[in-house]
Structures are given as structure tokens and as C-alpha cells.
C-alpha atoms as a PDB file:
ATOM      1  CA  MET A   1      -0.085  -0.130  -0.208  1.00  0.00           C
ATOM      2  CA  SER A   2       1.513   3.272  -1.251  1.00  0.00           C
ATOM      3  CA  ASP A   3       0.762   6.783   0.223  1.00  0.00           C
ATOM      4  CA  ASP A   4       0.300   8.903  -2.938  1.00  0.00           C
ATOM      5  CA  ARG A   5      -0.788  11.439  -0.765  1.00  0.00           C
ATOM      6  CA  LYS A   6       1.148  15.458  -1.211  1.00  0.00           C
ATOM      7  CA  TYR A   7       1.294  17.517   1.725  1.00  0.00           C
ATOM      8  CA  TRP A   8       1.790  21.355   1.530  1.00  0.00           C
ATOM      9  CA  LEU A   9       5.404  21.079   2.509  1.00  0.00           C
ATOM     10  CA  ASP A  10       6.444  18.696  -0.381  1.00  0.00           C
ATOM     11  CA  ASP A  11       6.073  21.775  -2.271  1.00  0.00           C
ATOM     12  CA  ARG A  12       9.238  23.382  -2.286  1.00  0.00           C
ATOM     13  CA  GLN A  13       8.356  26.947  -2.818  1.00  0.00           C
ATOM     14  CA  ASN A  14       6.234  26.665   0.695  1.00  0.00           C
ATOM     15  CA  ILE A  15       9.702  25.595   2.216  1.00  0.00           C
ATOM     16  CA  THR A  16      11.034  28.708   0.982  1.00  0.00           C
ATOM     17  CA  LYS A  17       7.675  30.875   2.153  1.00  0.00           C
ATOM     18  CA  VAL A  18       8.532  29.299   5.469  1.00  0.00           C
ATOM     19  CA  VAL A  19      12.400  30.017   5.621  1.00  0.00           C
ATOM     20  CA  TRP A  20      11.761  33.768   4.501  1.00  0.00           C
ATOM     21  CA  GLY A  21       8.892  34.020   7.182  1.00  0.00           C
ATOM     22  CA  LEU A  22      10.858  32.926  10.250  1.00  0.00           C
ATOM     23  CA  VAL A  23      13.634  35.633   8.825  1.00  0.00           C
ATOM     24  CA  ILE A  24      11.061  38.373   8.618  1.00  0.00           C
ATOM     25  CA  LEU A  25      10.106  37.357  12.193  1.00  0.00           C
ATOM     26  CA  CYS A  26      13.224  37.288  13.868  1.00  0.00           C
ATOM     27  CA  GLY A  27      14.505  40.625  12.036  1.00  0.00           C
ATOM     28  CA  ILE A  28      11.402  41.988  13.737  1.00  0.00           C
ATOM     29  CA  LEU A  29      11.671  40.791  16.864  1.00  0.00           C
ATOM     30  CA  PHE A  30      15.591  42.289  16.763  1.00  0.00           C
ATOM     31  CA  VAL A  31      14.729  45.761  15.977  1.00  0.00           C
ATOM     32  CA  ALA A  32      11.346  45.458  18.215  1.00  0.00           C
ATOM     33  CA  ASP A  33      14.225  45.127  21.119  1.00  0.00           C
ATOM     34  CA  ALA A  34      14.684  48.976  20.962  1.00  0.00           C
ATOM     35  CA  PHE A  35      11.637  49.945  21.798  1.00  0.00           C
ATOM     36  CA  TYR A  36      10.582  48.326  25.355  1.00  0.00           C
ATOM     37  CA  ASP A  37      12.078  49.360  28.340  1.00  0.00           C
ATOM     38  CA  LYS A  38      14.694  46.476  30.126  1.00  0.00           C
ATOM     39  CA  HIS A  39      14.958  45.408  33.153  1.00  0.00           C
ATOM     40  CA  PRO A  40      18.555  43.682  33.043  1.00  0.00           C
ATOM     41  CA  HIS A  41      20.049  41.873  36.375  1.00  0.00           C
ATOM     42  CA  PHE A  42      23.740  42.197  33.899  1.00  0.00           C
ATOM     43  CA  ILE A  43      25.084  44.947  32.114  1.00  0.00           C
ATOM     44  CA  ALA A  44      25.177  43.077  28.832  1.00  0.00           C
ATOM     45  CA  GLU A  45      21.601  42.810  28.663  1.00  0.00           C
ATOM     46  CA  THR A  46      21.543  46.565  27.781  1.00  0.00           C
ATOM     47  CA  TYR A  47      23.289  46.339  24.425  1.00  0.00           C
ATOM     48  CA  PHE A  48      20.299  46.359  21.487  1.00  0.00           C
ATOM     49  CA  GLY A  49      19.817  42.773  20.245  1.00  0.00           C
ATOM     50  CA  PHE A  50      21.790  41.208  23.221  1.00  0.00           C
ATOM     51  CA  PHE A  51      19.453  38.429  23.225  1.00  0.00           C
ATOM     52  CA  GLY A  52      19.359  37.449  19.874  1.00  0.00           C
ATOM     53  CA  ILE A  53      22.952  37.660  19.409  1.00  0.00           C
ATOM     54  CA  PHE A  54      23.563  35.091  22.732  1.00  0.00           C
ATOM     55  CA  GLY A  55      21.079  33.119  21.387  1.00  0.00           C
ATOM     56  CA  PHE A  56      22.820  32.456  17.600  1.00  0.00           C
ATOM     57  CA  VAL A  57      26.216  32.666  19.227  1.00  0.00           C
ATOM     58  CA  VAL A  58      25.056  29.750  22.092  1.00  0.00           C
ATOM     59  CA  CYS A  59      23.429  27.525  18.989  1.00  0.00           C
ATOM     60  CA  VAL A  60      26.224  27.600  16.897  1.00  0.00           C
ATOM     61  CA  GLY A  61      28.880  26.885  20.026  1.00  0.00           C
ATOM     62  CA  LEU A  62      25.869  24.119  21.036  1.00  0.00           C
ATOM     63  CA  VAL A  63      26.644  22.667  17.085  1.00  0.00           C
ATOM     64  CA  LEU A  64      30.562  22.887  17.594  1.00  0.00           C
ATOM     65  CA  THR A  65      30.139  20.959  20.839  1.00  0.00           C
ATOM     66  CA  ALA A  66      27.949  18.617  19.424  1.00  0.00           C
ATOM     67  CA  LYS A  67      30.513  18.026  16.573  1.00  0.00           C
ATOM     68  CA  VAL A  68      33.886  17.449  18.323  1.00  0.00           C
ATOM     69  CA  MET A  69      31.557  14.891  21.204  1.00  0.00           C
ATOM     70  CA  ARG A  70      30.674  13.380  17.724  1.00  0.00           C
ATOM     71  CA  ILE A  71      33.786  12.383  16.911  1.00  0.00           C
ATOM     72  CA  LEU A  72      34.955  11.772  20.432  1.00  0.00           C
ATOM     73  CA  LEU A  73      32.263   9.285  21.493  1.00  0.00           C
ATOM     74  CA  LYS A  74      31.314   7.542  18.124  1.00  0.00           C
ATOM     75  CA  ARG A  75      31.598   4.214  17.751  1.00  0.00           C
ATOM     76  CA  GLY A  76      32.641   1.189  15.328  1.00  0.00           C
ATOM     77  CA  GLU A  77      30.621   0.327  12.639  1.00  0.00           C
ATOM     78  CA  ASP A  78      30.070  -3.199  14.237  1.00  0.00           C
ATOM     79  CA  TYR A  79      29.763  -2.469  17.909  1.00  0.00           C
ATOM     80  CA  TYR A  80      26.654  -4.448  18.404  1.00  0.00           C
ATOM     81  CA  ASP A  81      27.045  -7.090  16.192  1.00  0.00           C
ATOM     82  CA  ASP A  82      29.831  -9.420  16.398  1.00  0.00           C
END
């Protein structure tokens, strides 16, 4: 039994629309940082766009850390099969 249904994310144009929507939303939220009153606990939190930049840097750091951990923790291809 084959499932030949087509879903909305199967169309490449819809994926492009979702990606651009997220880029626009992130840009709007980044600019909105200038228009509200902050109550920071640390000096760095007062800088424009701090949380967006911090989140991006930490996300990149997690990906790079995971790549290093994969090298250190990787098992052989036949680890579970003697």
C-alpha cells in the first residue's frame, strides 16, 4: 500500500515561504528590542539585540560542541554486531 498523498511542505516553494517568514519574524523581533523598557540584571543585557546575538552564538557553539563530541564518542560500525 503506497501513500501518494502530497502535503504542503512537499512543495519547495512552501518551504521557501516558511524560511523567509522566519527570517522576517526574527528581524522584526530583533528591531523590536529597541522599543521596550528593559530591566536587566547584568550590564550586557542592556546592549541592543543582546539576546538575539547571544542565542545565535550559543546555538552555533552547541553545534560545534556536538561535532567534537561525535568524534570523541563515536562507536565503530560493527560495535553491536560481533
